[in-house]
């Protein structure tokens, strides 16, 4: 029996990019599992990010939907990254799981 391989790494949606008073919802902060330094996070720059969720209404034969985004730069000293999505992630996704795809590859 072969072990299953997945083409993504798990991550968490932390928050939107923000300062003391201003919130910027078109940039999301993502914490990637197993990444704890900015140097490790640089590997994921340019990688695609997917938020997969289930909806009530079936569209084109499926209730599963995806919001796609891309890792644009690192954030802070703990290995978090900034990601921009085609449609801004809703605030109810704070703390939920994201998939960081291992493509496009730069190695």
PDB file of N, CA and C in Angstrom:
ATOM      1  N   UNK A   1       0.840  -1.178   0.000  1.00  0.00           N
ATOM      2  CA  UNK A   1       0.000   0.000   0.000  1.00  0.00           C
ATOM      3  C   UNK A   1       0.891   1.249   0.000  1.00  0.00           C
ATOM      4  N   UNK A   2       0.606   2.178  -0.883  1.00  0.00           N
ATOM      5  CA  UNK A   2       1.438   3.374  -0.979  1.00  0.00           C
ATOM      6  C   UNK A   2       0.915   4.465  -0.054  1.00  0.00           C
ATOM      7  N   UNK A   3       1.843   5.235   0.450  1.00  0.00           N
ATOM      8  CA  UNK A   3       1.462   6.360   1.305  1.00  0.00           C
ATOM      9  C   UNK A   3       0.921   7.493   0.435  1.00  0.00           C
ATOM     10  N   UNK A   4      -0.125   8.142   0.917  1.00  0.00           N
ATOM     11  CA  UNK A   4      -0.687   9.241   0.138  1.00  0.00           C
ATOM     12  C   UNK A   4       0.203  10.473   0.277  1.00  0.00           C
ATOM     13  N   UNK A   5       0.369  11.166  -0.817  1.00  0.00           N
ATOM     14  CA  UNK A   5       1.146  12.404  -0.795  1.00  0.00           C
ATOM     15  C   UNK A   5       0.210  13.554  -1.088  1.00  0.00           C
ATOM     16  N   UNK A   6       0.393  14.631  -0.380  1.00  0.00           N
ATOM     17  CA  UNK A   6      -0.425  15.801  -0.656  1.00  0.00           C
ATOM     18  C   UNK A   6       0.471  16.899  -1.188  1.00  0.00           C
ATOM     19  N   UNK A   7      -0.087  17.674  -2.087  1.00  0.00           N
ATOM     20  CA  UNK A   7       0.679  18.733  -2.739  1.00  0.00           C
ATOM     21  C   UNK A   7       0.477  20.073  -2.047  1.00  0.00           C
ATOM     22  N   UNK A   8       0.149  20.029  -0.764  1.00  0.00           N
ATOM     23  CA  UNK A   8      -0.037  21.281  -0.038  1.00  0.00           C
ATOM     24  C   UNK A   8       0.430  21.142   1.402  1.00  0.00           C
ATOM     25  N   UNK A   9       0.678  22.283   2.023  1.00  0.00           N
ATOM     26  CA  UNK A   9       1.036  22.374   3.434  1.00  0.00           C
ATOM     27  C   UNK A   9      -0.114  23.085   4.130  1.00  0.00           C
ATOM     28  N   UNK A  10      -0.422  22.668   5.353  1.00  0.00           N
ATOM     29  CA  UNK A  10      -1.519  23.296   6.079  1.00  0.00           C
ATOM     30  C   UNK A  10      -1.083  24.624   6.685  1.00  0.00           C
ATOM     31  N   UNK A  11      -2.036  25.541   6.779  1.00  0.00           N
ATOM     32  CA  UNK A  11      -1.777  26.840   7.395  1.00  0.00           C
ATOM     33  C   UNK A  11      -3.033  27.348   8.076  1.00  0.00           C
ATOM     34  N   UNK A  12      -2.887  28.400   8.860  1.00  0.00           N
ATOM     35  CA  UNK A  12      -4.021  29.013   9.562  1.00  0.00           C
ATOM     36  C   UNK A  12      -4.158  30.465   9.140  1.00  0.00           C
ATOM     37  N   UNK A  13      -5.417  30.903   8.973  1.00  0.00           N
ATOM     38  CA  UNK A  13      -5.689  32.316   8.689  1.00  0.00           C
ATOM     39  C   UNK A  13      -5.696  33.047  10.027  1.00  0.00           C
ATOM     40  N   UNK A  14      -4.693  33.900  10.241  1.00  0.00           N
ATOM     41  CA  UNK A  14      -4.568  34.588  11.527  1.00  0.00           C
ATOM     42  C   UNK A  14      -5.475  35.802  11.618  1.00  0.00           C
ATOM     43  N   UNK A  15      -5.354  36.700  10.639  1.00  0.00           N
ATOM     44  CA  UNK A  15      -6.048  37.980  10.707  1.00  0.00           C
ATOM     45  C   UNK A  15      -5.838  38.698   9.386  1.00  0.00           C
ATOM     46  N   UNK A  16      -6.379  39.900   9.300  1.00  0.00           N
ATOM     47  CA  UNK A  16      -6.034  40.794   8.207  1.00  0.00           C
ATOM     48  C   UNK A  16      -4.778  41.571   8.609  1.00  0.00           C
ATOM     49  N   UNK A  17      -4.095  42.137   7.614  1.00  0.00           N
ATOM     50  CA  UNK A  17      -2.995  43.047   7.921  1.00  0.00           C
ATOM     51  C   UNK A  17      -3.603  44.288   8.571  1.00  0.00           C
ATOM     52  N   UNK A  18      -2.994  44.755   9.658  1.00  0.00           N
ATOM     53  CA  UNK A  18      -3.574  45.895  10.352  1.00  0.00           C
ATOM     54  C   UNK A  18      -2.510  46.663  11.118  1.00  0.00           C
ATOM     55  N   UNK A  19      -2.877  47.882  11.474  1.00  0.00           N
ATOM     56  CA  UNK A  19      -2.067  48.685  12.379  1.00  0.00           C
ATOM     57  C   UNK A  19      -2.919  48.938  13.615  1.00  0.00           C
ATOM     58  N   UNK A  20      -2.588  49.949  14.353  1.00  0.00           N
ATOM     59  CA  UNK A  20      -3.337  50.203  15.584  1.00  0.00           C
ATOM     60  C   UNK A  20      -4.799  50.513  15.303  1.00  0.00           C
ATOM     61  N   UNK A  21      -5.058  51.299  14.263  1.00  0.00           N
ATOM     62  CA  UNK A  21      -6.431  51.733  13.995  1.00  0.00           C
ATOM     63  C   UNK A  21      -6.971  51.314  12.637  1.00  0.00           C
ATOM     64  N   UNK A  22      -6.106  51.027  11.691  1.00  0.00           N
ATOM     65  CA  UNK A  22      -6.541  50.767  10.318  1.00  0.00           C
ATOM     66  C   UNK A  22      -6.422  49.278  10.007  1.00  0.00           C
ATOM     67  N   UNK A  23      -7.490  48.703   9.467  1.00  0.00           N
ATOM     68  CA  UNK A  23      -7.505  47.294   9.073  1.00  0.00           C
ATOM     69  C   UNK A  23      -7.495  47.221   7.552  1.00  0.00           C
ATOM     70  N   UNK A  24      -6.654  46.346   7.006  1.00  0.00           N
ATOM     71  CA  UNK A  24      -6.507  46.212   5.559  1.00  0.00           C
ATOM     72  C   UNK A  24      -6.990  44.817   5.140  1.00  0.00           C
ATOM     73  N   UNK A  25      -8.279  44.644   4.824  1.00  0.00           N
ATOM     74  CA  UNK A  25      -8.816  43.300   4.584  1.00  0.00           C
ATOM     75  C   UNK A  25      -8.379  42.647   3.278  1.00  0.00           C
ATOM     76  N   UNK A  26      -7.709  43.389   2.377  1.00  0.00           N
ATOM     77  CA  UNK A  26      -7.286  42.726   1.143  1.00  0.00           C
ATOM     78  C   UNK A  26      -5.929  42.055   1.281  1.00  0.00           C
ATOM     79  N   UNK A  27      -5.340  42.068   2.488  1.00  0.00           N
ATOM     80  CA  UNK A  27      -4.123  41.304   2.767  1.00  0.00           C
ATOM     81  C   UNK A  27      -4.380  40.469   4.017  1.00  0.00           C
ATOM     82  N   UNK A  28      -4.245  39.148   3.901  1.00  0.00           N
ATOM     83  CA  UNK A  28      -4.463  38.250   5.030  1.00  0.00           C
ATOM     84  C   UNK A  28      -3.132  37.735   5.553  1.00  0.00           C
ATOM     85  N   UNK A  29      -3.033  37.562   6.876  1.00  0.00           N
ATOM     86  CA  UNK A  29      -1.843  36.987   7.489  1.00  0.00           C
ATOM     87  C   UNK A  29      -2.078  35.498   7.686  1.00  0.00           C
ATOM     88  N   UNK A  30      -1.092  34.694   7.260  1.00  0.00           N
ATOM     89  CA  UNK A  30      -1.218  33.241   7.293  1.00  0.00           C
ATOM     90  C   UNK A  30      -0.023  32.661   8.038  1.00  0.00           C
ATOM     91  N   UNK A  31      -0.285  31.754   8.989  1.00  0.00           N
ATOM     92  CA  UNK A  31       0.767  31.030   9.694  1.00  0.00           C
ATOM     93  C   UNK A  31       0.845  29.634   9.099  1.00  0.00           C
ATOM     94  N   UNK A  32       2.025  29.273   8.585  1.00  0.00           N
ATOM     95  CA  UNK A  32       2.221  27.986   7.921  1.00  0.00           C
ATOM     96  C   UNK A  32       2.790  26.992   8.929  1.00  0.00           C
ATOM     97  N   UNK A  33       2.254  25.754   8.937  1.00  0.00           N
ATOM     98  CA  UNK A  33       2.722  24.713   9.851  1.00  0.00           C
ATOM     99  C   UNK A  33       4.182  24.381   9.584  1.00  0.00           C
ATOM    100  N   UNK A  34       4.979  24.326  10.646  1.00  0.00           N
ATOM    101  CA  UNK A  34       6.374  23.935  10.515  1.00  0.00           C
ATOM    102  C   UNK A  34       7.311  25.048  10.092  1.00  0.00           C
ATOM    103  N   UNK A  35       6.802  26.266   9.968  1.00  0.00           N
ATOM    104  CA  UNK A  35       7.632  27.406   9.563  1.00  0.00           C
ATOM    105  C   UNK A  35       7.728  28.358  10.745  1.00  0.00           C
ATOM    106  N   UNK A  36       8.966  28.659  11.189  1.00  0.00           N
ATOM    107  CA  UNK A  36       9.112  29.514  12.364  1.00  0.00           C
ATOM    108  C   UNK A  36      10.076  30.676  12.162  1.00  0.00           C
ATOM    109  N   UNK A  37      10.680  30.800  10.977  1.00  0.00           N
ATOM    110  CA  UNK A  37      11.582  31.923  10.721  1.00  0.00           C
ATOM    111  C   UNK A  37      11.254  32.548   9.371  1.00  0.00           C
ATOM    112  N   UNK A  38      11.618  33.818   9.182  1.00  0.00           N
ATOM    113  CA  UNK A  38      11.388  34.458   7.876  1.00  0.00           C
ATOM    114  C   UNK A  38      12.152  33.778   6.742  1.00  0.00           C
ATOM    115  N   UNK A  39      13.318  33.199   7.049  1.00  0.00           N
ATOM    116  CA  UNK A  39      14.100  32.515   6.016  1.00  0.00           C
ATOM    117  C   UNK A  39      13.364  31.277   5.509  1.00  0.00           C
ATOM    118  N   UNK A  40      12.739  30.524   6.421  1.00  0.00           N
ATOM    119  CA  UNK A  40      11.956  29.353   6.011  1.00  0.00           C
ATOM    120  C   UNK A  40      10.720  29.782   5.232  1.00  0.00           C
ATOM    121  N   UNK A  41      10.129  30.911   5.608  1.00  0.00           N
ATOM    122  CA  UNK A  41       8.910  31.385   4.951  1.00  0.00           C
ATOM    123  C   UNK A  41       9.178  31.848   3.526  1.00  0.00           C
ATOM    124  N   UNK A  42      10.399  32.258   3.216  1.00  0.00           N
ATOM    125  CA  UNK A  42      10.717  32.747   1.868  1.00  0.00           C
ATOM    126  C   UNK A  42      10.520  31.670   0.808  1.00  0.00           C
ATOM    127  N   UNK A  43      10.606  30.391   1.189  1.00  0.00           N
ATOM    128  CA  UNK A  43      10.360  29.302   0.241  1.00  0.00           C
ATOM    129  C   UNK A  43       8.948  29.386  -0.335  1.00  0.00           C
ATOM    130  N   UNK A  44       7.992  29.882   0.449  1.00  0.00           N
ATOM    131  CA  UNK A  44       6.584  29.877   0.049  1.00  0.00           C
ATOM    132  C   UNK A  44       6.161  31.113  -0.738  1.00  0.00           C
ATOM    133  N   UNK A  45       7.058  32.057  -0.986  1.00  0.00           N
ATOM    134  CA  UNK A  45       6.705  33.252  -1.754  1.00  0.00           C
ATOM    135  C   UNK A  45       6.286  32.859  -3.162  1.00  0.00           C
ATOM    136  N   UNK A  46       5.154  33.372  -3.612  1.00  0.00           N
ATOM    137  CA  UNK A  46       4.645  33.056  -4.942  1.00  0.00           C
ATOM    138  C   UNK A  46       3.774  31.817  -5.002  1.00  0.00           C
ATOM    139  N   UNK A  47       3.708  31.048  -3.911  1.00  0.00           N
ATOM    140  CA  UNK A  47       2.900  29.828  -3.899  1.00  0.00           C
ATOM    141  C   UNK A  47       1.417  30.191  -3.821  1.00  0.00           C
ATOM    142  N   UNK A  48       0.573  29.299  -4.354  1.00  0.00           N
ATOM    143  CA  UNK A  48      -0.874  29.513  -4.341  1.00  0.00           C
ATOM    144  C   UNK A  48      -1.446  29.077  -2.998  1.00  0.00           C
ATOM    145  N   UNK A  49      -2.460  29.798  -2.542  1.00  0.00           N
ATOM    146  CA  UNK A  49      -3.145  29.499  -1.284  1.00  0.00           C
ATOM    147  C   UNK A  49      -4.616  29.265  -1.594  1.00  0.00           C
ATOM    148  N   UNK A  50      -5.208  28.252  -0.965  1.00  0.00           N
ATOM    149  CA  UNK A  50      -6.617  27.944  -1.206  1.00  0.00           C
ATOM    150  C   UNK A  50      -7.354  27.853   0.122  1.00  0.00           C
ATOM    151  N   UNK A  51      -8.504  28.532   0.191  1.00  0.00           N
ATOM    152  CA  UNK A  51      -9.425  28.372   1.312  1.00  0.00           C
ATOM    153  C   UNK A  51     -10.588  27.540   0.792  1.00  0.00           C
ATOM    154  N   UNK A  52     -10.679  26.302   1.271  1.00  0.00           N
ATOM    155  CA  UNK A  52     -11.702  25.361   0.803  1.00  0.00           C
ATOM    156  C   UNK A  52     -12.815  25.318   1.848  1.00  0.00           C
ATOM    157  N   UNK A  53     -14.068  25.469   1.381  1.00  0.00           N
ATOM    158  CA  UNK A  53     -15.191  25.478   2.315  1.00  0.00           C
ATOM    159  C   UNK A  53     -16.414  24.850   1.661  1.00  0.00           C
ATOM    160  N   UNK A  54     -17.383  24.503   2.493  1.00  0.00           N
ATOM    161  CA  UNK A  54     -18.637  23.934   2.012  1.00  0.00           C
ATOM    162  C   UNK A  54     -19.730  24.989   2.087  1.00  0.00           C
ATOM    163  N   UNK A  55     -20.546  25.039   1.033  1.00  0.00           N
ATOM    164  CA  UNK A  55     -21.677  25.961   0.997  1.00  0.00           C
ATOM    165  C   UNK A  55     -22.972  25.153   1.055  1.00  0.00           C
ATOM    166  N   UNK A  56     -24.081  25.820   1.341  1.00  0.00           N
ATOM    167  CA  UNK A  56     -25.371  25.139   1.417  1.00  0.00           C
ATOM    168  C   UNK A  56     -25.907  24.801   0.036  1.00  0.00           C
ATOM    169  N   UNK A  57     -25.742  25.718  -0.899  1.00  0.00           N
ATOM    170  CA  UNK A  57     -26.326  25.554  -2.226  1.00  0.00           C
ATOM    171  C   UNK A  57     -25.336  24.879  -3.168  1.00  0.00           C
ATOM    172  N   UNK A  58     -25.838  23.928  -3.944  1.00  0.00           N
ATOM    173  CA  UNK A  58     -24.993  23.211  -4.890  1.00  0.00           C
ATOM    174  C   UNK A  58     -24.865  24.011  -6.183  1.00  0.00           C
ATOM    175  N   UNK A  59     -23.635  24.231  -6.628  1.00  0.00           N
ATOM    176  CA  UNK A  59     -23.362  24.942  -7.875  1.00  0.00           C
ATOM    177  C   UNK A  59     -22.504  24.041  -8.751  1.00  0.00           C
ATOM    178  N   UNK A  60     -22.953  23.793  -9.977  1.00  0.00           N
ATOM    179  CA  UNK A  60     -22.260  22.919 -10.925  1.00  0.00           C
ATOM    180  C   UNK A  60     -21.954  21.549 -10.318  1.00  0.00           C
ATOM    181  N   UNK A  61     -22.906  21.017  -9.555  1.00  0.00           N
ATOM    182  CA  UNK A  61     -22.790  19.663  -9.037  1.00  0.00           C
ATOM    183  C   UNK A  61     -21.949  19.492  -7.787  1.00  0.00           C
ATOM    184  N   UNK A  62     -21.527  20.580  -7.129  1.00  0.00           N
ATOM    185  CA  UNK A  62     -20.691  20.446  -5.944  1.00  0.00           C
ATOM    186  C   UNK A  62     -21.021  21.530  -4.926  1.00  0.00           C
ATOM    187  N   UNK A  63     -20.974  21.141  -3.649  1.00  0.00           N
ATOM    188  CA  UNK A  63     -21.172  22.111  -2.577  1.00  0.00           C
ATOM    189  C   UNK A  63     -19.841  22.650  -2.060  1.00  0.00           C
ATOM    190  N   UNK A  64     -18.738  22.107  -2.551  1.00  0.00           N
ATOM    191  CA  UNK A  64     -17.406  22.531  -2.114  1.00  0.00           C
ATOM    192  C   UNK A  64     -16.940  23.688  -2.985  1.00  0.00           C
ATOM    193  N   UNK A  65     -16.474  24.754  -2.338  1.00  0.00           N
ATOM    194  CA  UNK A  65     -16.003  25.937  -3.067  1.00  0.00           C
ATOM    195  C   UNK A  65     -14.619  26.334  -2.578  1.00  0.00           C
ATOM    196  N   UNK A  66     -13.932  27.133  -3.391  1.00  0.00           N
ATOM    197  CA  UNK A  66     -12.553  27.521  -3.095  1.00  0.00           C
ATOM    198  C   UNK A  66     -12.370  29.009  -3.374  1.00  0.00           C
ATOM    199  N   UNK A  67     -11.659  29.697  -2.486  1.00  0.00           N
ATOM    200  CA  UNK A  67     -11.191  31.056  -2.752  1.00  0.00           C
ATOM    201  C   UNK A  67      -9.677  30.965  -2.895  1.00  0.00           C
ATOM    202  N   UNK A  68      -9.156  31.383  -4.055  1.00  0.00           N
ATOM    203  CA  UNK A  68      -7.734  31.262  -4.362  1.00  0.00           C
ATOM    204  C   UNK A  68      -6.997  32.542  -4.037  1.00  0.00           C
ATOM    205  N   UNK A  69      -5.738  32.399  -3.650  1.00  0.00           N
ATOM    206  CA  UNK A  69      -4.882  33.544  -3.379  1.00  0.00           C
ATOM    207  C   UNK A  69      -3.436  33.197  -3.648  1.00  0.00           C
ATOM    208  N   UNK A  70      -2.554  34.112  -3.267  1.00  0.00           N
ATOM    209  CA  UNK A  70      -1.131  33.928  -3.516  1.00  0.00           C
ATOM    210  C   UNK A  70      -0.342  34.532  -2.361  1.00  0.00           C
ATOM    211  N   UNK A  71       0.748  33.856  -1.958  1.00  0.00           N
ATOM    212  CA  UNK A  71       1.649  34.383  -0.932  1.00  0.00           C
ATOM    213  C   UNK A  71       2.475  35.492  -1.562  1.00  0.00           C
ATOM    214  N   UNK A  72       2.429  36.701  -0.972  1.00  0.00           N
ATOM    215  CA  UNK A  72       3.113  37.839  -1.586  1.00  0.00           C
ATOM    216  C   UNK A  72       4.392  38.242  -0.863  1.00  0.00           C
ATOM    217  N   UNK A  73       4.473  38.071   0.455  1.00  0.00           N
ATOM    218  CA  UNK A  73       5.712  38.387   1.170  1.00  0.00           C
ATOM    219  C   UNK A  73       5.653  37.836   2.582  1.00  0.00           C
ATOM    220  N   UNK A  74       6.795  37.871   3.271  1.00  0.00           N
ATOM    221  CA  UNK A  74       6.829  37.413   4.655  1.00  0.00           C
ATOM    222  C   UNK A  74       6.288  38.514   5.561  1.00  0.00           C
ATOM    223  N   UNK A  75       6.031  38.140   6.835  1.00  0.00           N
ATOM    224  CA  UNK A  75       5.478  39.107   7.790  1.00  0.00           C
ATOM    225  C   UNK A  75       6.042  38.797   9.170  1.00  0.00           C
ATOM    226  N   UNK A  76       6.827  39.705   9.708  1.00  0.00           N
ATOM    227  CA  UNK A  76       7.321  39.548  11.071  1.00  0.00           C
ATOM    228  C   UNK A  76       8.475  38.574  11.176  1.00  0.00           C
ATOM    229  N   UNK A  77       8.814  38.213  12.413  1.00  0.00           N
ATOM    230  CA  UNK A  77       9.967  37.354  12.692  1.00  0.00           C
ATOM    231  C   UNK A  77       9.582  35.927  13.060  1.00  0.00           C
ATOM    232  N   UNK A  78       8.298  35.575  12.961  1.00  0.00           N
ATOM    233  CA  UNK A  78       7.847  34.245  13.380  1.00  0.00           C
ATOM    234  C   UNK A  78       7.486  33.341  12.221  1.00  0.00           C
ATOM    235  N   UNK A  79       7.787  33.752  10.994  1.00  0.00           N
ATOM    236  CA  UNK A  79       7.525  32.896   9.844  1.00  0.00           C
ATOM    237  C   UNK A  79       6.131  33.011   9.276  1.00  0.00           C
ATOM    238  N   UNK A  80       5.375  34.030   9.666  1.00  0.00           N
ATOM    239  CA  UNK A  80       4.060  34.248   9.051  1.00  0.00           C
ATOM    240  C   UNK A  80       4.260  34.874   7.674  1.00  0.00           C
ATOM    241  N   UNK A  81       3.255  34.738   6.814  1.00  0.00           N
ATOM    242  CA  UNK A  81       3.329  35.324   5.476  1.00  0.00           C
ATOM    243  C   UNK A  81       2.074  36.147   5.216  1.00  0.00           C
ATOM    244  N   UNK A  82       2.177  37.044   4.236  1.00  0.00           N
ATOM    245  CA  UNK A  82       1.025  37.819   3.785  1.00  0.00           C
ATOM    246  C   UNK A  82       0.519  37.198   2.498  1.00  0.00           C
ATOM    247  N   UNK A  83      -0.793  37.114   2.359  1.00  0.00           N
ATOM    248  CA  UNK A  83      -1.394  36.538   1.155  1.00  0.00           C
ATOM    249  C   UNK A  83      -2.510  37.450   0.665  1.00  0.00           C
ATOM    250  N   UNK A  84      -2.626  37.565  -0.651  1.00  0.00           N
ATOM    251  CA  UNK A  84      -3.724  38.307  -1.270  1.00  0.00           C
ATOM    252  C   UNK A  84      -4.626  37.299  -1.969  1.00  0.00           C
ATOM    253  N   UNK A  85      -5.933  37.443  -1.767  1.00  0.00           N
ATOM    254  CA  UNK A  85      -6.897  36.528  -2.360  1.00  0.00           C
ATOM    255  C   UNK A  85      -7.701  37.237  -3.435  1.00  0.00           C
ATOM    256  N   UNK A  86      -8.227  36.453  -4.390  1.00  0.00           N
ATOM    257  CA  UNK A  86      -9.029  37.037  -5.473  1.00  0.00           C
ATOM    258  C   UNK A  86     -10.244  37.750  -4.916  1.00  0.00           C
ATOM    259  N   UNK A  87     -10.881  37.127  -3.934  1.00  0.00           N
ATOM    260  CA  UNK A  87     -11.945  37.765  -3.162  1.00  0.00           C
ATOM    261  C   UNK A  87     -11.466  37.736  -1.716  1.00  0.00           C
ATOM    262  N   UNK A  88     -11.553  38.859  -1.026  1.00  0.00           N
ATOM    263  CA  UNK A  88     -11.069  38.917   0.354  1.00  0.00           C
ATOM    264  C   UNK A  88     -11.730  37.826   1.187  1.00  0.00           C
ATOM    265  N   UNK A  89     -10.923  37.182   2.050  1.00  0.00           N
ATOM    266  CA  UNK A  89     -11.487  36.162   2.923  1.00  0.00           C
ATOM    267  C   UNK A  89     -12.405  36.831   3.941  1.00  0.00           C
ATOM    268  N   UNK A  90     -13.565  36.220   4.240  1.00  0.00           N
ATOM    269  CA  UNK A  90     -14.446  36.801   5.252  1.00  0.00           C
ATOM    270  C   UNK A  90     -13.829  36.671   6.646  1.00  0.00           C
ATOM    271  N   UNK A  91     -14.233  37.540   7.553  1.00  0.00           N
ATOM    272  CA  UNK A  91     -13.657  37.555   8.900  1.00  0.00           C
ATOM    273  C   UNK A  91     -13.983  36.279   9.670  1.00  0.00           C
ATOM    274  N   UNK A  92     -15.045  35.565   9.295  1.00  0.00           N
ATOM    275  CA  UNK A  92     -15.381  34.325  10.001  1.00  0.00           C
ATOM    276  C   UNK A  92     -14.359  33.222   9.751  1.00  0.00           C
ATOM    277  N   UNK A  93     -13.423  33.435   8.809  1.00  0.00           N
ATOM    278  CA  UNK A  93     -12.395  32.425   8.541  1.00  0.00           C
ATOM    279  C   UNK A  93     -11.177  32.576   9.442  1.00  0.00           C
ATOM    280  N   UNK A  94     -11.145  33.567  10.340  1.00  0.00           N
ATOM    281  CA  UNK A  94     -10.008  33.705  11.259  1.00  0.00           C
ATOM    282  C   UNK A  94      -9.862  32.412  12.060  1.00  0.00           C
ATOM    283  N   UNK A  95      -8.680  31.827  12.041  1.00  0.00           N
ATOM    284  CA  UNK A  95      -8.423  30.585  12.758  1.00  0.00           C
ATOM    285  C   UNK A  95      -8.698  29.336  11.958  1.00  0.00           C
ATOM    286  N   UNK A  96      -9.259  29.467  10.760  1.00  0.00           N
ATOM    287  CA  UNK A  96      -9.577  28.280   9.971  1.00  0.00           C
ATOM    288  C   UNK A  96      -8.384  27.841   9.132  1.00  0.00           C
ATOM    289  N   UNK A  97      -8.475  26.632   8.595  1.00  0.00           N
ATOM    290  CA  UNK A  97      -7.364  26.040   7.853  1.00  0.00           C
ATOM    291  C   UNK A  97      -7.325  26.526   6.418  1.00  0.00           C
ATOM    292  N   UNK A  98      -6.104  26.720   5.927  1.00  0.00           N
ATOM    293  CA  UNK A  98      -5.856  27.047   4.529  1.00  0.00           C
ATOM    294  C   UNK A  98      -4.910  26.001   3.968  1.00  0.00           C
ATOM    295  N   UNK A  99      -4.898  25.882   2.658  1.00  0.00           N
ATOM    296  CA  UNK A  99      -3.943  25.001   1.990  1.00  0.00           C
ATOM    297  C   UNK A  99      -2.948  25.862   1.221  1.00  0.00           C
ATOM    298  N   UNK A 100      -1.659  25.708   1.515  1.00  0.00           N
ATOM    299  CA  UNK A 100      -0.621  26.398   0.759  1.00  0.00           C
ATOM    300  C   UNK A 100      -0.045  25.372  -0.207  1.00  0.00           C
ATOM    301  N   UNK A 101      -0.344  25.551  -1.484  1.00  0.00           N
ATOM    302  CA  UNK A 101       0.079  24.595  -2.497  1.00  0.00           C
ATOM    303  C   UNK A 101       1.590  24.685  -2.705  1.00  0.00           C
ATOM    304  N   UNK A 102       2.207  23.575  -3.050  1.00  0.00           N
ATOM    305  CA  UNK A 102       3.648  23.554  -3.280  1.00  0.00           C
ATOM    306  C   UNK A 102       3.974  23.865  -4.732  1.00  0.00           C
ATOM    307  N   UNK A 103       3.095  24.550  -5.416  1.00  0.00           N
ATOM    308  CA  UNK A 103       3.362  25.014  -6.773  1.00  0.00           C
ATOM    309  C   UNK A 103       2.888  26.450  -6.886  1.00  0.00           C
ATOM    310  N   UNK A 104       3.384  27.274  -7.788  1.00  0.00           N
ATOM    311  CA  UNK A 104       4.454  26.969  -8.738  1.00  0.00           C
ATOM    312  C   UNK A 104       5.794  26.810  -8.016  1.00  0.00           C
ATOM    313  N   UNK A 105       6.589  25.847  -8.463  1.00  0.00           N
ATOM    314  CA  UNK A 105       7.858  25.538  -7.813  1.00  0.00           C
ATOM    315  C   UNK A 105       8.968  26.421  -8.359  1.00  0.00           C
ATOM    316  N   UNK A 106       9.864  26.841  -7.479  1.00  0.00           N
ATOM    317  CA  UNK A 106      11.016  27.623  -7.918  1.00  0.00           C
ATOM    318  C   UNK A 106      12.335  26.901  -7.655  1.00  0.00           C
ATOM    319  N   UNK A 107      12.264  25.567  -7.483  1.00  0.00           N
ATOM    320  CA  UNK A 107      13.495  24.778  -7.328  1.00  0.00           C
ATOM    321  C   UNK A 107      13.615  23.768  -8.449  1.00  0.00           C
TER     322      UNK A 107
END
